Protein backbone atom coordinates (compact mmCIF):
# COMPACT_ATOMS: atom_id res chain seq x y z
CA ILE A 1 -41.03 -107.27 2.14
CA THR A 2 -43.78 -108.09 4.62
CA PRO A 3 -45.35 -104.84 5.83
CA LYS A 4 -46.04 -104.49 9.54
CA PRO A 5 -49.65 -103.75 10.56
CA THR A 6 -49.75 -99.95 10.80
CA ARG A 7 -53.06 -99.85 12.67
CA LEU A 8 -51.84 -102.26 15.36
CA ILE A 9 -48.60 -100.35 15.87
CA ARG A 10 -50.53 -97.08 16.12
CA HIS A 11 -52.76 -98.66 18.79
CA LEU A 12 -49.76 -99.91 20.78
CA LEU A 13 -48.14 -96.48 20.58
CA SER A 14 -51.32 -94.84 21.88
CA ILE A 15 -51.17 -97.14 24.91
CA GLY A 16 -47.47 -96.96 25.67
CA CYS A 17 -46.43 -93.44 24.64
CA SER A 18 -47.17 -89.93 25.78
CA THR A 19 -46.70 -86.64 23.96
CA GLY A 20 -43.05 -85.63 23.92
CA ASP A 21 -41.77 -89.23 23.96
CA MET A 22 -39.16 -90.51 21.52
CA VAL A 23 -39.59 -93.87 19.77
CA LEU A 24 -36.56 -95.66 18.33
CA ASP A 25 -36.86 -98.27 15.58
CA PHE A 26 -33.53 -99.98 14.88
CA PHE A 27 -35.01 -102.19 12.13
CA ALA A 28 -37.21 -99.68 10.35
CA GLY A 29 -37.91 -101.70 7.22
CA THR A 30 -40.20 -99.61 5.03
CA GLY A 31 -40.95 -97.12 7.82
CA THR A 32 -44.14 -98.52 9.33
CA LEU A 33 -43.39 -97.24 12.83
CA ALA A 34 -42.62 -93.73 11.57
CA HIS A 35 -45.86 -93.90 9.57
CA ALA A 36 -47.82 -94.90 12.67
CA VAL A 37 -46.25 -92.16 14.80
CA MET A 38 -47.15 -89.41 12.33
CA VAL A 39 -50.73 -90.61 11.94
CA LEU A 40 -51.15 -90.90 15.74
CA ASN A 41 -49.80 -87.38 16.20
CA ALA A 42 -52.27 -86.07 13.64
CA GLU A 43 -55.20 -87.90 15.22
CA THR A 44 -54.46 -87.02 18.86
CA ASN A 45 -52.60 -83.71 18.53
CA SER A 46 -49.55 -85.35 20.14
CA SER A 47 -45.86 -84.62 19.56
CA ILE A 48 -44.27 -88.06 19.69
CA ARG A 49 -40.99 -88.18 17.78
CA SER A 50 -39.35 -91.19 16.15
CA ILE A 51 -35.94 -92.27 14.91
CA SER A 52 -35.81 -94.94 12.21
CA VAL A 53 -32.60 -96.80 11.41
CA GLN A 54 -32.35 -99.00 8.33
CA LEU A 55 -29.40 -100.46 6.43
CA PRO A 56 -29.53 -99.84 2.66
CA GLU A 57 -30.46 -103.46 1.93
CA PRO A 58 -31.11 -104.04 -1.78
CA LEU A 59 -34.71 -104.63 -2.77
CA ASP A 60 -35.64 -107.72 -4.75
CA GLU A 61 -35.95 -106.85 -8.41
CA ASP A 62 -39.43 -108.40 -8.57
CA THR A 63 -40.90 -106.00 -5.99
CA GLU A 64 -43.11 -103.09 -7.01
CA ALA A 65 -40.87 -100.64 -5.11
CA TYR A 66 -37.84 -101.74 -7.16
CA ARG A 67 -39.74 -101.49 -10.43
CA VAL A 68 -40.71 -97.87 -9.76
CA GLY A 69 -37.12 -96.87 -9.02
CA TYR A 70 -36.26 -97.59 -5.38
CA LYS A 71 -33.15 -99.72 -5.10
CA THR A 72 -32.96 -100.25 -1.31
CA ILE A 73 -35.35 -100.72 1.61
CA ALA A 74 -34.10 -97.40 3.00
CA ASP A 75 -35.11 -95.66 -0.27
CA ALA A 76 -38.60 -97.14 0.00
CA SER A 77 -38.85 -96.08 3.65
CA ARG A 78 -37.97 -92.46 2.87
CA GLU A 79 -40.54 -92.32 0.08
CA ARG A 80 -43.23 -93.81 2.30
CA ILE A 81 -42.62 -91.20 4.97
CA ARG A 82 -42.81 -88.43 2.35
CA ARG A 83 -46.14 -89.75 1.11
CA VAL A 84 -47.58 -90.06 4.62
CA ILE A 85 -46.67 -86.41 5.28
CA GLU A 86 -48.28 -85.33 2.00
CA LYS A 87 -51.44 -87.31 2.83
CA ILE A 88 -51.75 -85.83 6.33
CA LYS A 89 -51.33 -82.31 4.95
CA SER A 90 -53.80 -82.86 2.12
CA GLU A 91 -56.46 -84.17 4.55
CA SER A 92 -56.00 -81.37 7.10
CA ASP A 93 -58.45 -78.49 7.47
CA LEU A 94 -59.24 -75.71 9.95
CA ALA A 95 -60.94 -78.12 12.32
CA ASN A 96 -58.21 -80.74 12.04
CA PRO A 97 -54.96 -78.97 11.14
CA ALA A 98 -51.78 -80.89 10.36
CA PRO A 99 -49.34 -81.11 13.29
CA PRO A 100 -46.86 -78.22 13.41
CA ASN A 101 -43.31 -78.96 12.22
CA LEU A 102 -44.52 -82.04 10.36
CA GLY A 103 -41.54 -83.41 8.49
CA PHE A 104 -38.44 -85.55 8.73
CA ARG A 105 -34.71 -85.47 8.12
CA SER A 106 -32.82 -88.29 6.50
CA PHE A 107 -29.13 -88.97 7.05
CA VAL A 108 -26.78 -91.52 5.53
CA LEU A 109 -23.86 -92.88 7.55
CA ALA A 110 -20.66 -91.87 5.76
CA PRO A 111 -16.95 -91.29 6.45
CA SER A 112 -15.98 -88.05 8.15
CA SER A 113 -15.71 -84.88 6.05
CA PHE A 114 -12.50 -84.05 7.94
CA LYS A 115 -9.04 -85.46 7.41
CA GLN A 116 -7.76 -87.84 10.05
CA TRP A 117 -4.25 -87.21 11.37
CA ARG A 118 -2.00 -90.24 11.00
CA GLY A 119 1.12 -90.12 13.11
CA ASP A 120 2.29 -93.61 12.21
CA GLY A 121 4.80 -93.80 9.39
CA ILE A 122 6.24 -90.33 10.07
CA ASP A 123 9.95 -90.90 10.64
CA THR A 124 11.62 -87.81 9.19
CA PRO A 125 11.14 -84.03 9.35
CA GLU A 126 10.31 -84.09 5.66
CA GLN A 127 7.48 -86.58 6.19
CA LEU A 128 6.14 -84.47 9.08
CA ALA A 129 6.26 -81.33 6.94
CA GLU A 130 4.39 -83.13 4.16
CA GLN A 131 1.71 -84.32 6.61
CA MET A 132 1.31 -80.83 8.04
CA LEU A 133 0.99 -79.38 4.54
CA MET A 134 -1.84 -81.81 3.87
CA PHE A 135 -3.62 -80.43 6.93
CA ALA A 136 -3.49 -76.81 5.81
CA LYS A 137 -7.19 -77.49 5.25
CA SER A 138 -8.87 -79.66 7.87
CA GLU A 139 -11.78 -80.67 5.65
CA LYS A 140 -11.42 -83.17 2.82
CA ASP A 141 -11.32 -81.92 -0.76
CA GLY A 142 -14.82 -81.91 -2.19
CA ALA A 143 -16.55 -82.16 1.20
CA GLU A 144 -20.03 -80.65 1.01
CA VAL A 145 -20.82 -77.77 3.36
CA GLU A 146 -24.07 -79.37 4.53
CA HIS A 147 -22.24 -82.57 5.46
CA ILE A 148 -19.60 -80.59 7.37
CA LEU A 149 -22.29 -78.64 9.23
CA TYR A 150 -24.19 -81.67 10.48
CA GLU A 151 -21.01 -83.50 11.43
CA LEU A 152 -20.00 -80.48 13.51
CA LEU A 153 -23.44 -80.35 15.12
CA LEU A 154 -22.83 -83.88 16.36
CA LYS A 155 -19.27 -83.13 17.46
CA PHE A 156 -20.52 -80.14 19.47
CA GLY A 157 -23.24 -82.15 21.19
CA GLN A 158 -26.21 -80.84 19.21
CA GLU A 159 -29.22 -82.79 17.97
CA LEU A 160 -29.51 -83.41 14.25
CA THR A 161 -33.00 -81.94 14.43
CA THR A 162 -31.65 -78.61 15.72
CA PRO A 163 -33.15 -75.80 13.59
CA VAL A 164 -30.43 -74.14 11.50
CA GLU A 165 -30.68 -70.53 10.32
CA THR A 166 -28.68 -69.45 7.27
CA LEU A 167 -27.58 -65.83 7.50
CA GLY A 168 -26.05 -63.50 4.96
CA VAL A 169 -23.33 -61.60 6.80
CA ALA A 170 -21.52 -58.85 4.86
CA ASP A 171 -20.42 -60.72 1.73
CA GLY A 172 -20.41 -64.19 3.31
CA LYS A 173 -22.66 -66.87 4.78
CA VAL A 174 -23.03 -68.00 8.39
CA PHE A 175 -25.05 -70.87 9.88
CA ALA A 176 -26.67 -70.14 13.25
CA ILE A 177 -28.41 -72.26 15.90
CA HIS A 178 -30.07 -71.56 19.25
CA GLN A 179 -31.21 -68.02 18.46
CA ARG A 180 -27.79 -67.20 16.98
CA LYS A 181 -25.93 -68.17 20.16
CA MET A 182 -23.69 -70.51 18.15
CA LEU A 183 -22.38 -69.53 14.72
CA PHE A 184 -20.65 -71.73 12.13
CA VAL A 185 -18.51 -70.27 9.33
CA LEU A 186 -17.84 -73.00 6.77
CA GLU A 187 -17.61 -71.46 3.30
CA THR A 188 -15.95 -68.06 3.10
CA PHE A 189 -14.71 -65.39 5.49
CA THR A 190 -13.70 -61.76 5.10
CA GLU A 191 -12.70 -58.88 7.35
CA ALA A 192 -16.12 -57.29 6.78
CA MET A 193 -17.85 -60.22 8.48
CA ILE A 194 -16.15 -59.80 11.85
CA GLN A 195 -18.09 -56.89 13.33
CA PRO A 196 -21.58 -58.07 12.27
CA MET A 197 -20.88 -61.49 13.79
CA VAL A 198 -19.58 -59.98 17.04
CA ASP A 199 -22.64 -57.69 17.16
CA MET A 200 -24.91 -60.76 17.27
CA LYS A 201 -23.36 -61.53 20.69
CA PRO A 202 -23.11 -65.30 20.22
CA ARG A 203 -21.67 -67.57 22.89
CA GLU A 204 -19.38 -69.28 20.39
CA ILE A 205 -18.13 -68.92 16.83
CA ILE A 206 -16.87 -72.09 15.10
CA VAL A 207 -14.81 -71.68 11.93
CA ILE A 208 -13.03 -74.18 9.72
CA ASP A 209 -9.47 -73.08 9.03
CA GLY A 210 -9.80 -73.30 5.25
CA VAL A 211 -12.04 -70.21 5.06
CA PHE A 212 -9.11 -67.97 6.08
CA LEU A 213 -7.21 -68.91 2.90
CA ASP A 214 -3.89 -69.06 4.83
CA SER A 215 -4.36 -65.50 6.14
CA ASP A 216 -3.05 -65.65 9.70
CA PRO A 217 -3.75 -61.91 10.31
CA LEU A 218 -7.40 -62.42 9.40
CA LYS A 219 -7.69 -65.37 11.77
CA SER A 220 -5.87 -63.52 14.55
CA ASN A 221 -8.13 -60.49 14.14
CA LEU A 222 -11.27 -62.59 14.56
CA ASP A 223 -9.72 -64.34 17.57
CA LEU A 224 -8.86 -61.02 19.26
CA GLN A 225 -12.27 -59.51 18.54
CA CYS A 226 -13.95 -62.59 20.05
CA ARG A 227 -11.77 -62.41 23.16
CA ASP A 228 -12.59 -58.74 23.66
CA ALA A 229 -16.33 -59.50 23.36
CA GLY A 230 -16.21 -62.59 25.61
CA ILE A 231 -17.04 -64.93 22.73
CA LYS A 232 -15.51 -68.41 22.56
CA PHE A 233 -13.66 -68.83 19.26
CA THR A 234 -13.01 -72.32 17.89
CA CYS A 235 -11.00 -72.91 14.72
CA LEU A 236 -10.96 -76.40 13.24
């Protein structure tokens, strides 16, 4: 790995970027551009954001990064960004505070957490019934709730950096964004959760069908309560 010159990149960013800009690095390598952006923000009190994209290319076994436990360039990049954040925070003081919301999110491209309907190969009513039975739950077995949530954020046109609030509602859990204007129910659902959710006056409630545990009356009740309150109800 040949590191890019961080100081030069920081200088170029200071010339070409303004606060609020977004910088995209499609070949992030070990994260030099993200490093430069965070240091520039700390030095100039700017709020430039960056997106780094890197394939999980294997590291050579004779590199220091590999010897200390990082198997891919993407692994090394994530660790570098973590260390830059720690360094900026450790060097901050009252006169030079660390930028607010200093941090990053890392995502790995993966198959969907939801089953994909396949109409080909269905030639008989029995095959159709079997396919429909498979889709009693829309999410794949073993799909992690966090993965489902962020996939749905993308499907509903939201940024992956959207702040997510986790709420305890009755005896269940709800994920909320945009000051609780959009609610996601992805783990469990009970009758006791309906009224507290409606009382939040969200614009939309998104629920995956599996949380109803095949209880059509429970689903219908939530749907009717949402209609009465002018809330859009989406069941996946």
